[in-house]
PDB file of N, CA and C in Angstrom:
ATOM      1  N   UNK A   1      49.639  62.888  77.110  1.00  0.00           N
ATOM      2  CA  UNK A   1      48.770  62.457  76.048  1.00  0.00           C
ATOM      3  C   UNK A   1      49.433  62.786  74.719  1.00  0.00           C
ATOM      4  N   UNK A   2      49.973  61.787  74.104  1.00  0.00           N
ATOM      5  CA  UNK A   2      50.633  61.975  72.825  1.00  0.00           C
ATOM      6  C   UNK A   2      50.377  60.770  71.938  1.00  0.00           C
ATOM      7  N   UNK A   3      50.668  60.946  70.666  1.00  0.00           N
ATOM      8  CA  UNK A   3      50.609  59.826  69.742  1.00  0.00           C
ATOM      9  C   UNK A   3      49.191  59.443  69.367  1.00  0.00           C
ATOM     10  N   UNK A   4      48.963  58.128  69.179  1.00  0.00           N
ATOM     11  CA  UNK A   4      47.704  57.621  68.669  1.00  0.00           C
ATOM     12  C   UNK A   4      46.548  57.770  69.655  1.00  0.00           C
ATOM     13  N   UNK A   5      46.846  58.016  70.911  1.00  0.00           N
ATOM     14  CA  UNK A   5      45.763  58.120  71.894  1.00  0.00           C
ATOM     15  C   UNK A   5      45.248  59.542  72.053  1.00  0.00           C
ATOM     16  N   UNK A   6      45.725  60.477  71.227  1.00  0.00           N
ATOM     17  CA  UNK A   6      45.256  61.855  71.330  1.00  0.00           C
ATOM     18  C   UNK A   6      45.051  62.462  69.946  1.00  0.00           C
ATOM     19  N   UNK A   7      44.237  63.516  69.931  1.00  0.00           N
ATOM     20  CA  UNK A   7      43.984  64.261  68.711  1.00  0.00           C
ATOM     21  C   UNK A   7      44.113  65.748  69.032  1.00  0.00           C
ATOM     22  N   UNK A   8      44.282  66.549  68.002  1.00  0.00           N
ATOM     23  CA  UNK A   8      44.305  68.001  68.168  1.00  0.00           C
ATOM     24  C   UNK A   8      43.067  68.568  67.502  1.00  0.00           C
ATOM     25  N   UNK A   9      42.328  69.368  68.254  1.00  0.00           N
ATOM     26  CA  UNK A   9      41.154  70.057  67.730  1.00  0.00           C
ATOM     27  C   UNK A   9      41.279  71.533  68.062  1.00  0.00           C
ATOM     28  N   UNK A  10      40.497  72.337  67.386  1.00  0.00           N
ATOM     29  CA  UNK A  10      40.511  73.792  67.565  1.00  0.00           C
ATOM     30  C   UNK A  10      39.230  74.163  68.310  1.00  0.00           C
ATOM     31  N   UNK A  11      39.353  74.603  69.575  1.00  0.00           N
ATOM     32  CA  UNK A  11      38.186  74.943  70.389  1.00  0.00           C
ATOM     33  C   UNK A  11      38.250  76.410  70.766  1.00  0.00           C
ATOM     34  N   UNK A  12      37.217  77.155  70.365  1.00  0.00           N
ATOM     35  CA  UNK A  12      37.115  78.582  70.683  1.00  0.00           C
ATOM     36  C   UNK A  12      38.416  79.330  70.391  1.00  0.00           C
ATOM     37  N   UNK A  13      38.992  79.026  69.228  1.00  0.00           N
ATOM     38  CA  UNK A  13      40.161  79.764  68.775  1.00  0.00           C
ATOM     39  C   UNK A  13      41.508  79.239  69.238  1.00  0.00           C
ATOM     40  N   UNK A  14      41.524  78.132  69.989  1.00  0.00           N
ATOM     41  CA  UNK A  14      42.791  77.599  70.490  1.00  0.00           C
ATOM     42  C   UNK A  14      42.897  76.112  70.191  1.00  0.00           C
ATOM     43  N   UNK A  15      44.112  75.669  69.860  1.00  0.00           N
ATOM     44  CA  UNK A  15      44.353  74.241  69.667  1.00  0.00           C
ATOM     45  C   UNK A  15      44.380  73.542  71.017  1.00  0.00           C
ATOM     46  N   UNK A  16      43.728  72.367  71.074  1.00  0.00           N
ATOM     47  CA  UNK A  16      43.688  71.573  72.302  1.00  0.00           C
ATOM     48  C   UNK A  16      44.022  70.134  71.971  1.00  0.00           C
ATOM     49  N   UNK A  17      44.795  69.492  72.818  1.00  0.00           N
ATOM     50  CA  UNK A  17      45.059  68.058  72.726  1.00  0.00           C
ATOM     51  C   UNK A  17      43.994  67.358  73.555  1.00  0.00           C
ATOM     52  N   UNK A  18      43.331  66.369  72.956  1.00  0.00           N
ATOM     53  CA  UNK A  18      42.277  65.630  73.633  1.00  0.00           C
ATOM     54  C   UNK A  18      42.461  64.141  73.419  1.00  0.00           C
ATOM     55  N   UNK A  19      41.886  63.343  74.312  1.00  0.00           N
ATOM     56  CA  UNK A  19      41.903  61.895  74.059  1.00  0.00           C
ATOM     57  C   UNK A  19      41.121  61.591  72.787  1.00  0.00           C
ATOM     58  N   UNK A  20      41.564  60.635  72.024  1.00  0.00           N
ATOM     59  CA  UNK A  20      40.819  60.255  70.825  1.00  0.00           C
ATOM     60  C   UNK A  20      39.581  59.459  71.220  1.00  0.00           C
ATOM     61  N   UNK A  21      38.611  59.422  70.320  1.00  0.00           N
ATOM     62  CA  UNK A  21      37.414  58.619  70.540  1.00  0.00           C
ATOM     63  C   UNK A  21      36.321  59.291  71.340  1.00  0.00           C
ATOM     64  N   UNK A  22      36.411  60.600  71.546  1.00  0.00           N
ATOM     65  CA  UNK A  22      35.383  61.295  72.320  1.00  0.00           C
ATOM     66  C   UNK A  22      34.196  61.677  71.443  1.00  0.00           C
ATOM     67  N   UNK A  23      33.007  61.525  72.005  1.00  0.00           N
ATOM     68  CA  UNK A  23      31.825  62.126  71.393  1.00  0.00           C
ATOM     69  C   UNK A  23      31.783  63.585  71.845  1.00  0.00           C
ATOM     70  N   UNK A  24      30.915  64.376  71.250  1.00  0.00           N
ATOM     71  CA  UNK A  24      30.768  65.764  71.693  1.00  0.00           C
ATOM     72  C   UNK A  24      30.318  65.787  73.155  1.00  0.00           C
ATOM     73  N   UNK A  25      29.397  64.897  73.525  1.00  0.00           N
ATOM     74  CA  UNK A  25      28.939  64.813  74.911  1.00  0.00           C
ATOM     75  C   UNK A  25      30.110  64.516  75.851  1.00  0.00           C
ATOM     76  N   UNK A  26      30.938  63.527  75.497  1.00  0.00           N
ATOM     77  CA  UNK A  26      32.090  63.168  76.328  1.00  0.00           C
ATOM     78  C   UNK A  26      33.114  64.304  76.374  1.00  0.00           C
ATOM     79  N   UNK A  27      33.260  65.034  75.274  1.00  0.00           N
ATOM     80  CA  UNK A  27      34.160  66.186  75.256  1.00  0.00           C
ATOM     81  C   UNK A  27      33.702  67.223  76.272  1.00  0.00           C
ATOM     82  N   UNK A  28      32.413  67.526  76.280  1.00  0.00           N
ATOM     83  CA  UNK A  28      31.896  68.512  77.226  1.00  0.00           C
ATOM     84  C   UNK A  28      32.116  68.057  78.662  1.00  0.00           C
ATOM     85  N   UNK A  29      31.886  66.776  78.925  1.00  0.00           N
ATOM     86  CA  UNK A  29      32.163  66.252  80.263  1.00  0.00           C
ATOM     87  C   UNK A  29      33.647  66.340  80.594  1.00  0.00           C
ATOM     88  N   UNK A  30      34.499  66.026  79.620  1.00  0.00           N
ATOM     89  CA  UNK A  30      35.956  66.108  79.799  1.00  0.00           C
ATOM     90  C   UNK A  30      36.371  67.534  80.170  1.00  0.00           C
ATOM     91  N   UNK A  31      35.689  68.517  79.579  1.00  0.00           N
ATOM     92  CA  UNK A  31      35.988  69.923  79.843  1.00  0.00           C
ATOM     93  C   UNK A  31      35.228  70.459  81.064  1.00  0.00           C
ATOM     94  N   UNK A  32      34.511  69.555  81.743  1.00  0.00           N
ATOM     95  CA  UNK A  32      33.721  69.887  82.934  1.00  0.00           C
ATOM     96  C   UNK A  32      32.658  70.945  82.651  1.00  0.00           C
ATOM     97  N   UNK A  33      31.988  70.784  81.492  1.00  0.00           N
ATOM     98  CA  UNK A  33      30.885  71.652  81.104  1.00  0.00           C
ATOM     99  C   UNK A  33      29.595  70.836  81.115  1.00  0.00           C
ATOM    100  N   UNK A  34      28.515  71.451  81.541  1.00  0.00           N
ATOM    101  CA  UNK A  34      27.220  70.794  81.560  1.00  0.00           C
ATOM    102  C   UNK A  34      26.647  70.795  80.144  1.00  0.00           C
ATOM    103  N   UNK A  35      26.498  69.627  79.520  1.00  0.00           N
ATOM    104  CA  UNK A  35      26.004  69.571  78.139  1.00  0.00           C
ATOM    105  C   UNK A  35      24.647  70.248  77.945  1.00  0.00           C
ATOM    106  N   UNK A  36      23.837  70.312  78.975  1.00  0.00           N
ATOM    107  CA  UNK A  36      22.527  70.941  78.869  1.00  0.00           C
ATOM    108  C   UNK A  36      22.627  72.460  78.765  1.00  0.00           C
ATOM    109  N   UNK A  37      23.792  73.015  79.125  1.00  0.00           N
ATOM    110  CA  UNK A  37      23.956  74.464  79.143  1.00  0.00           C
ATOM    111  C   UNK A  37      24.933  74.968  78.091  1.00  0.00           C
ATOM    112  N   UNK A  38      25.256  74.111  77.100  1.00  0.00           N
ATOM    113  CA  UNK A  38      26.253  74.478  76.093  1.00  0.00           C
ATOM    114  C   UNK A  38      25.666  74.328  74.694  1.00  0.00           C
ATOM    115  N   UNK A  39      25.911  75.327  73.869  1.00  0.00           N
ATOM    116  CA  UNK A  39      25.602  75.228  72.437  1.00  0.00           C
ATOM    117  C   UNK A  39      26.924  74.920  71.740  1.00  0.00           C
ATOM    118  N   UNK A  40      26.899  73.916  70.860  1.00  0.00           N
ATOM    119  CA  UNK A  40      28.115  73.473  70.178  1.00  0.00           C
ATOM    120  C   UNK A  40      27.981  73.729  68.685  1.00  0.00           C
ATOM    121  N   UNK A  41      28.994  74.412  68.145  1.00  0.00           N
ATOM    122  CA  UNK A  41      29.126  74.551  66.704  1.00  0.00           C
ATOM    123  C   UNK A  41      30.304  73.664  66.309  1.00  0.00           C
ATOM    124  N   UNK A  42      30.020  72.668  65.485  1.00  0.00           N
ATOM    125  CA  UNK A  42      31.036  71.710  65.045  1.00  0.00           C
ATOM    126  C   UNK A  42      31.273  71.928  63.565  1.00  0.00           C
ATOM    127  N   UNK A  43      32.496  72.346  63.239  1.00  0.00           N
ATOM    128  CA  UNK A  43      32.855  72.614  61.842  1.00  0.00           C
ATOM    129  C   UNK A  43      31.840  73.531  61.158  1.00  0.00           C
ATOM    130  N   UNK A  44      31.518  74.619  61.850  1.00  0.00           N
ATOM    131  CA  UNK A  44      30.678  75.711  61.355  1.00  0.00           C
ATOM    132  C   UNK A  44      29.197  75.377  61.231  1.00  0.00           C
ATOM    133  N   UNK A  45      28.762  74.290  61.882  1.00  0.00           N
ATOM    134  CA  UNK A  45      27.344  73.953  61.895  1.00  0.00           C
ATOM    135  C   UNK A  45      26.906  73.729  63.331  1.00  0.00           C
ATOM    136  N   UNK A  46      25.811  74.372  63.714  1.00  0.00           N
ATOM    137  CA  UNK A  46      25.300  74.197  65.072  1.00  0.00           C
ATOM    138  C   UNK A  46      24.761  72.783  65.199  1.00  0.00           C
ATOM    139  N   UNK A  47      25.184  72.114  66.251  1.00  0.00           N
ATOM    140  CA  UNK A  47      24.826  70.722  66.479  1.00  0.00           C
ATOM    141  C   UNK A  47      23.620  70.656  67.411  1.00  0.00           C
ATOM    142  N   UNK A  48      22.608  69.915  67.025  1.00  0.00           N
ATOM    143  CA  UNK A  48      21.444  69.702  67.869  1.00  0.00           C
ATOM    144  C   UNK A  48      21.871  68.917  69.115  1.00  0.00           C
ATOM    145  N   UNK A  49      21.377  69.337  70.289  1.00  0.00           N
ATOM    146  CA  UNK A  49      21.759  68.660  71.541  1.00  0.00           C
ATOM    147  C   UNK A  49      21.484  67.159  71.498  1.00  0.00           C
ATOM    148  N   UNK A  50      20.470  66.764  70.766  1.00  0.00           N
ATOM    149  CA  UNK A  50      20.135  65.352  70.656  1.00  0.00           C
ATOM    150  C   UNK A  50      21.203  64.528  69.962  1.00  0.00           C
ATOM    151  N   UNK A  51      22.148  65.184  69.299  1.00  0.00           N
ATOM    152  CA  UNK A  51      23.219  64.482  68.583  1.00  0.00           C
ATOM    153  C   UNK A  51      24.565  64.547  69.301  1.00  0.00           C
ATOM    154  N   UNK A  52      24.616  65.160  70.481  1.00  0.00           N
ATOM    155  CA  UNK A  52      25.890  65.276  71.206  1.00  0.00           C
ATOM    156  C   UNK A  52      26.512  63.908  71.486  1.00  0.00           C
ATOM    157  N   UNK A  53      25.677  62.907  71.783  1.00  0.00           N
ATOM    158  CA  UNK A  53      26.204  61.575  72.107  1.00  0.00           C
ATOM    159  C   UNK A  53      26.717  60.871  70.855  1.00  0.00           C
ATOM    160  N   UNK A  54      26.062  61.098  69.716  1.00  0.00           N
ATOM    161  CA  UNK A  54      26.413  60.402  68.469  1.00  0.00           C
ATOM    162  C   UNK A  54      27.559  61.055  67.702  1.00  0.00           C
ATOM    163  N   UNK A  55      27.693  62.366  67.802  1.00  0.00           N
ATOM    164  CA  UNK A  55      28.701  63.089  67.016  1.00  0.00           C
ATOM    165  C   UNK A  55      30.091  62.853  67.595  1.00  0.00           C
ATOM    166  N   UNK A  56      30.975  62.338  66.779  1.00  0.00           N
ATOM    167  CA  UNK A  56      32.344  62.064  67.203  1.00  0.00           C
ATOM    168  C   UNK A  56      33.250  63.261  66.912  1.00  0.00           C
ATOM    169  N   UNK A  57      34.167  63.525  67.819  1.00  0.00           N
ATOM    170  CA  UNK A  57      35.158  64.577  67.638  1.00  0.00           C
ATOM    171  C   UNK A  57      36.375  63.951  66.968  1.00  0.00           C
ATOM    172  N   UNK A  58      36.767  64.523  65.839  1.00  0.00           N
ATOM    173  CA  UNK A  58      37.889  63.999  65.056  1.00  0.00           C
ATOM    174  C   UNK A  58      39.033  65.016  65.056  1.00  0.00           C
ATOM    175  N   UNK A  59      40.239  64.533  64.845  1.00  0.00           N
ATOM    176  CA  UNK A  59      41.383  65.421  64.738  1.00  0.00           C
ATOM    177  C   UNK A  59      41.162  66.456  63.656  1.00  0.00           C
ATOM    178  N   UNK A  60      41.487  67.705  63.954  1.00  0.00           N
ATOM    179  CA  UNK A  60      41.331  68.788  63.002  1.00  0.00           C
ATOM    180  C   UNK A  60      39.971  69.476  63.049  1.00  0.00           C
ATOM    181  N   UNK A  61      39.032  68.930  63.816  1.00  0.00           N
ATOM    182  CA  UNK A  61      37.716  69.563  63.935  1.00  0.00           C
ATOM    183  C   UNK A  61      37.848  70.952  64.540  1.00  0.00           C
ATOM    184  N   UNK A  62      36.919  71.816  64.160  1.00  0.00           N
ATOM    185  CA  UNK A  62      36.827  73.155  64.737  1.00  0.00           C
ATOM    186  C   UNK A  62      35.524  73.234  65.515  1.00  0.00           C
ATOM    187  N   UNK A  63      35.631  73.566  66.791  1.00  0.00           N
ATOM    188  CA  UNK A  63      34.453  73.670  67.640  1.00  0.00           C
ATOM    189  C   UNK A  63      34.391  75.040  68.285  1.00  0.00           C
ATOM    190  N   UNK A  64      33.178  75.543  68.378  1.00  0.00           N
ATOM    191  CA  UNK A  64      32.909  76.740  69.166  1.00  0.00           C
ATOM    192  C   UNK A  64      31.927  76.315  70.233  1.00  0.00           C
ATOM    193  N   UNK A  65      32.261  76.564  71.479  1.00  0.00           N
ATOM    194  CA  UNK A  65      31.427  76.197  72.600  1.00  0.00           C
ATOM    195  C   UNK A  65      30.944  77.465  73.286  1.00  0.00           C
ATOM    196  N   UNK A  66      29.639  77.606  73.377  1.00  0.00           N
ATOM    197  CA  UNK A  66      29.041  78.746  74.063  1.00  0.00           C
ATOM    198  C   UNK A  66      28.254  78.193  75.230  1.00  0.00           C
ATOM    199  N   UNK A  67      28.663  78.562  76.445  1.00  0.00           N
ATOM    200  CA  UNK A  67      27.931  78.063  77.604  1.00  0.00           C
ATOM    201  C   UNK A  67      27.242  79.192  78.329  1.00  0.00           C
ATOM    202  N   UNK A  68      26.099  78.853  78.881  1.00  0.00           N
ATOM    203  CA  UNK A  68      25.264  79.816  79.560  1.00  0.00           C
ATOM    204  C   UNK A  68      25.514  79.728  81.052  1.00  0.00           C
ATOM    205  N   UNK A  69      25.601  80.869  81.686  1.00  0.00           N
ATOM    206  CA  UNK A  69      25.773  80.915  83.126  1.00  0.00           C
ATOM    207  C   UNK A  69      24.672  81.794  83.716  1.00  0.00           C
ATOM    208  N   UNK A  70      24.251  81.410  84.887  1.00  0.00           N
ATOM    209  CA  UNK A  70      23.249  82.204  85.577  1.00  0.00           C
ATOM    210  C   UNK A  70      23.903  83.168  86.526  1.00  0.00           C
ATOM    211  N   UNK A  71      23.162  84.101  86.963  1.00  0.00           N
ATOM    212  CA  UNK A  71      23.702  85.046  87.919  1.00  0.00           C
ATOM    213  C   UNK A  71      22.700  86.154  88.156  1.00  0.00           C
ATOM    214  N   UNK A  72      23.083  87.020  89.020  1.00  0.00           N
ATOM    215  CA  UNK A  72      22.145  88.085  89.320  1.00  0.00           C
ATOM    216  C   UNK A  72      22.862  89.364  89.632  1.00  0.00           C
TER     217      UNK A  72
END
Protein backbone atom coordinates (compact mmCIF):
# COMPACT_ATOMS: atom_id res chain seq x y z
CA UNK A 1 0.00 0.00 0.00
CA UNK A 2 1.82 3.03 -1.26
CA UNK A 3 1.21 6.21 -3.18
CA UNK A 4 -2.23 7.69 -3.86
CA UNK A 5 -4.11 4.66 -2.55
CA UNK A 6 -2.85 5.08 1.02
CA UNK A 7 -2.62 7.69 3.74
CA UNK A 8 -0.62 8.01 6.95
CA UNK A 9 -2.46 8.66 10.19
CA UNK A 10 -1.37 8.70 13.82
CA UNK A 11 -3.26 6.08 15.89
CA UNK A 12 -2.64 5.71 19.62
CA UNK A 13 0.81 7.23 19.33
CA UNK A 14 2.00 5.37 16.22
CA UNK A 15 2.00 6.19 12.52
CA UNK A 16 -0.07 3.78 10.42
CA UNK A 17 -0.45 3.40 6.67
CA UNK A 18 -4.10 2.91 5.72
CA UNK A 19 -6.13 2.72 2.54
CA UNK A 20 -7.44 6.13 1.56
CA UNK A 21 -11.16 6.85 1.60
CA UNK A 22 -12.00 5.15 4.90
CA UNK A 23 -14.69 6.40 7.22
CA UNK A 24 -14.06 6.02 10.95
CA UNK A 25 -16.48 3.07 10.91
CA UNK A 26 -14.56 1.42 8.04
CA UNK A 27 -11.27 2.11 9.83
CA UNK A 28 -12.48 0.27 12.92
CA UNK A 29 -13.60 -2.66 10.77
CA UNK A 30 -10.23 -2.58 8.96
CA UNK A 31 -8.52 -2.83 12.36
CA UNK A 32 -10.91 -5.66 13.34
CA UNK A 33 -12.45 -3.64 16.18
CA UNK A 34 -16.14 -3.67 17.04
CA UNK A 35 -17.37 -0.08 16.48
CA UNK A 36 -19.94 -0.51 19.25
CA UNK A 37 -17.15 -1.11 21.77
CA UNK A 38 -14.74 1.68 20.77
CA UNK A 39 -14.57 5.34 21.73
CA UNK A 40 -12.85 7.41 19.04
CA UNK A 41 -11.07 10.70 19.56
CA UNK A 42 -10.43 12.30 16.16
CA UNK A 43 -8.04 15.24 16.16
CA UNK A 44 -8.56 15.79 19.90
CA UNK A 45 -12.36 15.69 19.81
CA UNK A 46 -14.44 12.74 20.94
CA UNK A 47 -16.56 11.57 18.03
CA UNK A 48 -20.18 10.59 18.62
CA UNK A 49 -20.78 6.96 17.55
CA UNK A 50 -23.59 8.18 15.30
CA UNK A 51 -20.98 9.96 13.16
CA UNK A 52 -18.56 7.04 12.68
CA UNK A 53 -20.02 6.30 9.23
CA UNK A 54 -19.93 9.95 8.08
CA UNK A 55 -16.54 11.02 9.47
CA UNK A 56 -13.77 10.51 6.94
CA UNK A 57 -10.21 9.66 7.94
CA UNK A 58 -7.73 11.97 6.21
CA UNK A 59 -3.96 11.85 5.93
CA UNK A 60 -2.32 13.41 8.97
CA UNK A 61 -5.30 12.81 11.27
CA UNK A 62 -4.60 11.93 14.89
CA UNK A 63 -6.83 9.26 16.40
CA UNK A 64 -7.02 7.75 19.84
CA UNK A 65 -8.98 4.52 20.01
CA UNK A 66 -10.15 3.18 23.35
CA UNK A 67 -11.85 -0.18 23.23
CA UNK A 68 -13.67 -1.94 25.99
CA UNK A 69 -13.15 -5.59 26.75
CA UNK A 70 -15.11 -7.83 29.03
CA UNK A 71 -13.72 -10.35 31.37
CA UNK A 72 -13.93 -11.73 34.79
